[in-house]
Protein backbone atom coordinates (compact mmCIF):
# COMPACT_ATOMS: atom_id res chain seq x y z
CA MET A 1 -42.21 -15.88 -49.35
CA ILE A 2 -39.83 -14.62 -52.05
CA TYR A 3 -40.06 -11.10 -50.58
CA LEU A 4 -39.06 -12.33 -47.12
CA LEU A 5 -36.23 -14.53 -48.39
CA ALA A 6 -34.91 -11.80 -50.68
CA THR A 7 -34.97 -9.29 -47.81
CA ILE A 8 -33.12 -11.66 -45.46
CA VAL A 9 -30.47 -12.47 -48.08
CA LEU A 10 -30.01 -8.82 -49.06
CA LEU A 11 -29.69 -7.50 -45.50
CA SER A 12 -27.53 -10.44 -44.41
CA VAL A 13 -25.04 -9.80 -47.20
CA LEU A 14 -24.89 -6.05 -46.51
CA VAL A 15 -24.52 -6.47 -42.76
CA PHE A 16 -22.04 -9.36 -42.96
CA VAL A 17 -19.74 -7.46 -45.31
CA HIS A 18 -19.97 -4.30 -43.20
CA GLU A 19 -19.27 -6.05 -39.90
CA LEU A 20 -16.55 -8.18 -41.49
CA GLY A 21 -14.75 -4.93 -42.28
CA HIS A 22 -14.84 -3.89 -38.63
CA PHE A 23 -13.80 -7.38 -37.52
CA LEU A 24 -10.78 -7.64 -39.83
CA ALA A 25 -9.65 -4.09 -39.07
CA ALA A 26 -9.93 -4.65 -35.32
CA LYS A 27 -7.93 -7.87 -35.53
CA SER A 28 -5.26 -6.20 -37.67
CA VAL A 29 -4.54 -3.54 -35.02
CA GLY A 30 -4.73 -5.87 -32.04
CA ILE A 31 -8.22 -5.10 -30.73
CA ARG A 32 -9.99 -8.04 -29.10
CA VAL A 33 -13.34 -8.81 -30.73
CA GLU A 34 -15.65 -10.31 -28.12
CA THR A 35 -18.62 -11.04 -30.42
CA PHE A 36 -19.23 -11.22 -34.16
CA SER A 37 -22.96 -11.69 -34.69
CA LEU A 38 -25.03 -11.87 -37.85
CA GLY A 39 -28.54 -11.03 -36.72
CA PHE A 40 -29.83 -9.90 -33.33
CA PRO A 41 -30.75 -11.98 -30.23
CA PRO A 42 -32.24 -14.35 -29.34
CA THR A 43 -29.19 -16.32 -30.43
CA ILE A 44 -29.86 -19.53 -32.38
CA PHE A 45 -26.21 -20.48 -32.90
CA LYS A 46 -22.93 -19.53 -31.29
CA LYS A 47 -19.42 -20.87 -31.16
CA LYS A 48 -16.38 -19.48 -29.40
CA LYS A 49 -13.05 -19.56 -31.15
CA GLY A 50 -10.15 -17.87 -29.44
CA ASP A 51 -11.40 -14.69 -27.77
CA THR A 52 -14.38 -14.27 -30.10
CA VAL A 53 -17.92 -15.65 -29.93
CA TYR A 54 -19.34 -16.14 -33.44
CA ALA A 55 -23.12 -16.02 -33.36
CA ILE A 56 -26.24 -16.03 -35.52
CA GLY A 57 -29.29 -14.24 -34.17
CA ALA A 58 -32.94 -15.13 -34.78
CA ILE A 59 -33.70 -11.59 -35.96
CA PRO A 60 -31.91 -11.33 -39.34
CA PHE A 61 -32.28 -7.59 -39.90
CA GLY A 62 -28.87 -6.51 -38.64
CA GLY A 63 -25.72 -7.62 -36.90
CA TYR A 64 -22.84 -6.31 -34.83
CA VAL A 65 -19.20 -6.63 -33.80
CA ARG A 66 -18.52 -6.04 -30.12
CA MET A 67 -14.98 -4.89 -29.36
CA SER A 68 -13.34 -4.79 -25.95
CA GLY A 69 -13.18 -1.31 -24.46
CA MET A 70 -15.62 0.34 -26.85
CA ILE A 71 -18.87 2.10 -25.98
CA ASP A 72 -21.27 1.07 -28.73
CA GLU A 73 -24.96 0.21 -29.02
CA SER A 74 -24.48 -2.59 -26.47
CA MET A 75 -23.81 0.11 -23.83
CA ASP A 76 -21.22 -2.17 -22.19
CA THR A 77 -19.46 -0.31 -19.36
CA SER A 78 -17.88 -3.30 -17.60
CA PHE A 79 -14.44 -1.73 -18.02
CA GLU A 80 -15.38 1.51 -16.23
CA GLY A 81 -12.82 2.46 -13.58
CA LEU A 82 -10.24 0.00 -14.90
CA PRO A 83 -7.00 1.01 -16.65
CA PRO A 84 -7.01 0.53 -20.46
CA GLN A 85 -5.66 -2.81 -21.63
CA ASP A 86 -3.51 -3.21 -24.74
CA TYR A 87 -6.21 -5.29 -26.48
CA GLU A 88 -8.95 -2.69 -25.90
CA TYR A 89 -10.28 -0.24 -28.47
CA ARG A 90 -9.90 2.67 -26.05
CA ALA A 91 -6.17 1.94 -25.64
CA LYS A 92 -5.39 2.26 -29.34
CA LYS A 93 -3.98 5.21 -31.26
CA THR A 94 -6.33 7.65 -32.95
CA TRP A 95 -5.61 6.37 -36.47
CA GLN A 96 -6.26 2.79 -35.35
CA LYS A 97 -9.65 3.76 -33.89
CA ILE A 98 -10.57 5.63 -37.08
CA PHE A 99 -9.38 2.75 -39.27
CA THR A 100 -11.43 0.25 -37.29
CA SER A 101 -14.54 2.44 -37.43
CA ILE A 102 -14.29 3.26 -41.14
CA ALA A 103 -13.43 -0.29 -42.26
CA GLY A 104 -17.08 -1.37 -42.49
CA ILE A 105 -17.81 1.59 -44.76
CA LEU A 106 -14.85 0.75 -47.00
CA MET A 107 -16.00 -2.87 -47.25
CA ASN A 108 -19.47 -1.78 -48.36
CA LEU A 109 -17.95 0.42 -51.06
CA LEU A 110 -15.67 -2.43 -52.15
CA LEU A 111 -18.70 -4.75 -52.37
CA ALA A 112 -20.50 -2.20 -54.56
CA ILE A 113 -17.48 -1.83 -56.87
CA ILE A 114 -17.20 -5.62 -57.24
CA ILE A 115 -20.93 -6.02 -57.93
CA PHE A 116 -21.10 -3.23 -60.52
CA SER A 117 -17.91 -4.51 -62.16
CA ILE A 118 -19.32 -8.04 -62.47
CA MET A 119 -22.59 -6.70 -63.86
CA SER A 120 -20.74 -4.63 -66.46
CA GLY A 121 -18.64 -7.64 -67.41
CA ILE A 122 -21.76 -9.78 -67.92
CA GLN A 123 -24.14 -7.24 -69.44
CA GLY A 124 -21.64 -4.97 -71.16
CA ILE A 125 -21.49 -1.19 -71.00
CA ALA A 126 -24.68 0.61 -71.96
CA SER A 127 -24.53 3.53 -74.36
CA SER A 128 -27.57 5.42 -75.63
CA SER A 129 -27.95 6.01 -79.35
CA PRO A 130 -27.66 9.71 -80.25
CA ASP A 131 -30.42 9.33 -82.85
CA PRO A 132 -33.91 10.66 -81.88
CA ILE A 133 -35.51 7.24 -82.47
CA LEU A 134 -37.95 5.90 -79.88
CA ASP A 135 -37.18 2.50 -78.40
CA ILE A 136 -39.59 2.42 -75.45
CA VAL A 137 -42.90 4.28 -75.32
CA ILE A 138 -44.97 4.02 -72.13
CA GLU A 139 -48.57 3.44 -73.22
CA ASP A 140 -50.31 5.52 -70.55
CA ALA A 141 -47.74 8.37 -70.66
CA PRO A 142 -48.19 11.47 -72.88
CA ALA A 143 -46.23 10.03 -75.83
CA GLY A 144 -48.17 6.76 -75.83
CA LEU A 145 -51.51 8.51 -75.45
CA ALA A 146 -50.62 10.74 -78.42
CA GLY A 147 -50.03 7.67 -80.61
CA LEU A 148 -46.23 7.59 -80.75
CA GLN A 149 -44.72 4.12 -81.13
CA PRO A 150 -41.30 2.44 -80.84
CA GLY A 151 -39.30 3.01 -84.02
CA ASP A 152 -40.68 6.49 -84.67
CA ARG A 153 -38.02 9.09 -85.50
CA ILE A 154 -38.65 12.56 -84.09
CA ILE A 155 -37.67 15.23 -86.64
CA GLN A 156 -39.25 18.39 -85.24
CA ILE A 157 -40.71 19.86 -82.05
CA ASP A 158 -42.78 22.98 -82.64
CA ASP A 159 -40.59 25.09 -84.97
CA PHE A 160 -37.30 23.40 -84.04
CA ARG A 161 -35.71 20.78 -86.28
CA ILE A 162 -34.40 17.80 -84.32
CA TYR A 163 -31.20 15.97 -85.21
CA THR A 164 -30.18 14.29 -81.93
CA TRP A 165 -31.84 12.73 -78.90
CA ASP A 166 -30.33 15.33 -76.59
CA GLU A 167 -31.86 18.17 -78.63
CA MET A 168 -35.27 16.52 -78.46
CA ALA A 169 -35.03 15.78 -74.72
CA GLY A 170 -33.95 19.37 -74.04
CA HIS A 171 -37.01 20.85 -75.77
CA ILE A 172 -39.34 18.46 -73.93
CA ARG A 173 -37.78 19.27 -70.55
CA GLU A 174 -38.02 23.02 -71.12
CA ALA A 175 -41.64 22.79 -72.27
CA GLY A 176 -42.70 21.86 -68.75
CA ASN A 177 -46.39 20.99 -68.92
CA LYS A 178 -47.14 23.15 -71.97
CA GLU A 179 -48.42 21.47 -75.12
CA ILE A 180 -45.87 20.87 -77.87
CA ARG A 181 -46.30 19.71 -81.46
CA VAL A 182 -44.19 16.67 -82.26
CA THR A 183 -43.40 15.76 -85.86
CA TYR A 184 -42.14 12.23 -86.48
CA VAL A 185 -41.45 9.82 -89.32
CA ARG A 186 -43.02 6.37 -89.49
CA ASP A 187 -42.85 4.14 -92.57
CA GLN A 188 -41.39 7.06 -94.56
CA GLN A 189 -44.46 9.19 -93.77
CA GLU A 190 -44.44 12.36 -91.65
CA TYR A 191 -47.01 12.90 -88.91
CA THR A 192 -47.55 15.72 -86.42
CA VAL A 193 -49.37 15.26 -83.11
CA PRO A 194 -49.94 17.46 -80.05
CA VAL A 195 -48.29 16.17 -76.87
CA THR A 196 -48.58 17.68 -73.39
CA PRO A 197 -45.59 16.71 -71.19
CA GLN A 198 -46.11 15.83 -67.54
CA LEU A 199 -44.11 17.62 -64.86
CA GLN A 200 -41.90 15.25 -62.90
CA LYS A 201 -39.37 15.90 -60.17
CA ARG A 202 -35.74 15.18 -60.95
CA ILE A 203 -32.45 15.89 -59.21
CA GLN A 204 -30.41 18.31 -61.29
CA ASP A 205 -27.22 20.07 -60.15
CA GLY A 206 -27.97 19.08 -56.56
CA LYS A 207 -31.48 20.53 -56.60
CA VAL A 208 -34.98 19.16 -57.09
CA VAL A 209 -36.43 20.57 -60.29
CA GLU A 210 -39.61 19.90 -62.24
CA ILE A 211 -39.12 19.07 -65.90
CA GLY A 212 -41.35 17.97 -68.75
CA MET A 213 -41.46 14.23 -69.50
CA ILE A 214 -43.48 12.31 -72.09
CA GLY A 215 -42.52 8.69 -71.28
CA ILE A 216 -39.99 7.69 -73.94
CA SER A 217 -36.54 6.09 -73.98
CA PRO A 218 -33.79 5.94 -76.64
CA ILE A 219 -32.23 2.89 -78.22
CA VAL A 220 -29.57 1.50 -75.88
CA ASN A 221 -26.59 -0.36 -77.28
CA MET A 222 -24.63 -2.78 -75.09
CA GLU A 223 -20.90 -2.81 -75.78
CA LYS A 224 -18.74 -5.67 -74.55
CA ALA A 225 -16.60 -4.64 -71.60
CA GLY A 226 -13.06 -5.89 -71.12
CA PHE A 227 -11.62 -6.62 -67.69
CA PHE A 228 -10.37 -3.10 -67.01
CA GLY A 229 -13.40 -1.56 -68.70
CA ALA A 230 -15.71 -3.49 -66.36
CA ILE A 231 -13.71 -2.40 -63.30
CA GLY A 232 -13.83 1.18 -64.53
CA GLU A 233 -17.61 0.93 -64.80
CA GLY A 234 -17.69 -0.53 -61.29
CA PHE A 235 -15.97 2.57 -59.90
CA LYS A 236 -18.08 4.85 -62.11
CA ASN A 237 -21.40 3.37 -60.97
CA THR A 238 -20.33 3.34 -57.32
CA SER A 239 -19.40 7.01 -57.61
CA TYR A 240 -22.75 7.75 -59.28
CA TRP A 241 -24.77 6.15 -56.49
CA LEU A 242 -22.61 7.79 -53.84
CA ASN A 243 -23.42 11.17 -55.37
CA MET A 244 -27.13 10.34 -55.68
CA THR A 245 -27.30 9.23 -52.04
CA PHE A 246 -25.41 12.32 -50.88
CA VAL A 247 -27.68 14.65 -52.85
CA SER A 248 -30.78 12.87 -51.52
CA LEU A 249 -29.57 13.30 -47.93
CA LYS A 250 -28.76 16.94 -48.61
CA LEU A 251 -32.25 17.54 -50.00
CA LEU A 252 -33.83 15.91 -46.94
CA VAL A 253 -31.76 17.98 -44.51
CA THR A 254 -32.41 21.25 -46.36
CA GLY A 255 -36.14 20.56 -46.61
CA GLN A 256 -36.21 20.31 -50.41
CA GLU A 257 -37.35 16.71 -50.14
CA SER A 258 -40.01 15.39 -47.77
CA PHE A 259 -39.19 12.89 -45.01
CA LYS A 260 -42.31 11.07 -46.23
CA ASN A 261 -40.03 9.58 -48.89
CA VAL A 262 -37.76 7.94 -46.29
CA GLY A 263 -38.13 4.16 -46.51
CA GLY A 264 -37.47 1.42 -43.97
CA VAL A 265 -37.22 -2.36 -43.83
CA ILE A 266 -40.66 -2.90 -45.38
CA PHE A 267 -39.79 -0.68 -48.35
CA ILE A 268 -36.43 -2.42 -48.74
CA GLY A 269 -38.27 -5.74 -48.61
CA GLN A 270 -40.55 -4.65 -51.44
CA LEU A 271 -37.55 -3.60 -53.55
CA ALA A 272 -35.74 -6.84 -52.73
CA GLY A 273 -38.73 -8.99 -53.66
CA GLU A 274 -39.42 -7.19 -56.94
CA SER A 275 -35.76 -7.27 -57.99
CA ALA A 276 -35.46 -10.96 -57.09
CA LYS A 277 -38.51 -11.74 -59.24
CA ALA A 278 -36.89 -9.83 -62.11
CA GLY A 279 -33.74 -11.97 -61.98
CA ILE A 280 -30.38 -12.42 -60.31
CA LEU A 281 -28.71 -9.41 -61.96
CA PRO A 282 -31.39 -6.88 -60.89
CA PHE A 283 -31.20 -8.34 -57.37
CA ILE A 284 -27.42 -8.08 -57.01
CA GLY A 285 -27.65 -4.63 -58.59
CA LEU A 286 -29.96 -3.60 -55.75
CA VAL A 287 -27.46 -5.06 -53.26
CA GLY A 288 -24.79 -2.84 -54.82
CA ILE A 289 -26.94 0.29 -54.62
CA LEU A 290 -27.96 -0.33 -51.01
CA SER A 291 -24.36 -1.14 -50.09
CA VAL A 292 -23.41 2.36 -51.25
CA ASN A 293 -26.36 3.80 -49.30
CA LEU A 294 -25.26 1.95 -46.15
CA ALA A 295 -21.68 3.19 -46.54
CA LEU A 296 -22.67 6.84 -46.83
CA LEU A 297 -25.25 6.70 -44.06
CA ASN A 298 -22.71 5.17 -41.68
CA ILE A 299 -20.13 7.90 -42.28
CA LEU A 300 -22.57 10.54 -40.99
CA PRO A 301 -21.26 12.10 -37.74
CA ILE A 302 -24.19 10.78 -35.70
CA PRO A 303 -23.56 8.99 -32.38
CA GLY A 304 -24.30 5.30 -32.81
CA LEU A 305 -23.04 5.28 -36.39
CA ASP A 306 -19.45 4.74 -37.53
CA GLY A 307 -19.13 8.46 -38.24
CA GLY A 308 -20.00 9.20 -34.62
CA HIS A 309 -17.27 6.86 -33.38
CA ILE A 310 -14.80 8.56 -35.72
CA ILE A 311 -15.68 12.01 -34.34
CA ILE A 312 -15.20 10.77 -30.76
CA ALA A 313 -11.83 9.21 -31.70
CA ILE A 314 -10.69 12.50 -33.26
CA ALA A 315 -11.89 14.46 -30.21
CA GLU A 316 -9.96 12.15 -27.88
CA GLY A 317 -6.90 12.51 -30.08
CA ILE A 318 -7.10 16.30 -29.85
CA MET A 319 -7.64 16.20 -26.06
CA ARG A 320 -4.88 13.57 -25.71
CA ARG A 321 -6.98 11.67 -23.22
CA GLU A 322 -9.94 9.33 -23.11
CA MET A 323 -13.36 10.94 -22.88
CA LYS A 324 -15.27 10.16 -19.69
CA ILE A 325 -17.34 7.00 -20.03
CA LYS A 326 -20.45 8.80 -18.72
CA THR A 327 -20.02 11.40 -21.47
CA LYS A 328 -19.64 8.68 -24.10
CA MET A 329 -22.74 6.95 -22.76
CA LEU A 330 -24.75 10.16 -22.96
CA ILE A 331 -23.58 10.82 -26.53
CA GLN A 332 -24.39 7.23 -27.49
CA GLN A 333 -27.86 7.41 -25.93
CA ILE A 334 -28.66 10.62 -27.81
CA GLY A 335 -27.55 9.01 -31.05
CA MET A 336 -29.58 5.86 -30.43
CA PHE A 337 -32.63 8.01 -29.66
CA LEU A 338 -32.23 9.85 -32.98
CA LEU A 339 -31.71 6.64 -34.93
CA PHE A 340 -34.67 4.97 -33.23
CA GLY A 341 -36.84 7.98 -34.11
CA LEU A 342 -35.72 7.77 -37.75
CA LEU A 343 -36.47 4.04 -37.77
CA ILE A 344 -40.00 4.64 -36.45
CA LEU A 345 -40.54 7.36 -39.08
CA ALA A 346 -39.37 5.00 -41.84
CA ILE A 347 -41.70 2.22 -40.65
CA ILE A 348 -44.66 4.62 -40.50
CA ASN A 349 -43.89 5.76 -44.05
CA ASP A 350 -43.66 2.13 -45.18
CA VAL A 351 -47.06 1.29 -43.68
CA LEU A 352 -48.68 4.38 -45.20
CA ARG A 353 -47.28 3.40 -48.61
CA LEU A 354 -48.92 -0.01 -48.35
CA PHE A 355 -52.35 1.63 -48.08
CA GLN A 356 -51.84 4.19 -50.84
């Protein structure tokens, strides 16, 4: 039950914030919003206020804002053949269309910055100790199997004296899966043991590389963050996850990463449940990470996504006229087909993971 509830809460927050961005932006430039729905039909609650119907759908895994005069996933063409009205999306200036389309993305990024800032304010700012002293040793990883323990100080790898954690980590990475001899100090006594690192994939300089890992972590010190320090960390962490998401997408597109690693709602549900069981901070941290993911995915120039609407708005601005509705419909249908295919792929991957 906790997995389902965590998934619903997580997706509801992400979708609500995203769609709220579109809603507020549309209102600010005079676009009529016909529907603001959290969740998909069948509708379990709705109330009309002004020109807008506010609704809650029975299917909680999504939501939408329907604007007058806009071809979106609803495929509404009721305005075809009619002159543009002042309150319609299609009647607005190019910058207003772009602003309305990108507002959801900006709201997701703002949510991430707020979340990471709050977490930094509560937890403090983490800084790793430069000393080559082990804090965490994974028991079934190479270091643990070789007998290394938390508190051990590494002083030499093969013929190289070690003075800092970075020096030690560098030698382990470069060793790949070749055996190394690790000399450490425990209770003022020196010991030397053979350790064979395991090759693991990591993203480095925008590429997937295999490096040696032995399953250890340094001592991490938490420093109290002031107000501006916490906000700075919020921007820093948001930037970090933006870059990680961008690199991951790049690796998928270029074939350096397999589409088998693409996850869907089931995978997100697993992450949500596990993070919720770990505590409130891990859970809201996941919300922040996925909010960044959602922002970057939506800026992609794919029909059906915000990026696709932005491209169409720019094209219409260049042509100085509205694109034919049939053309917009075709573009939208192609985009929905691609997104539906990606959704099916993600679900298949999720199911296969469950049986692995």
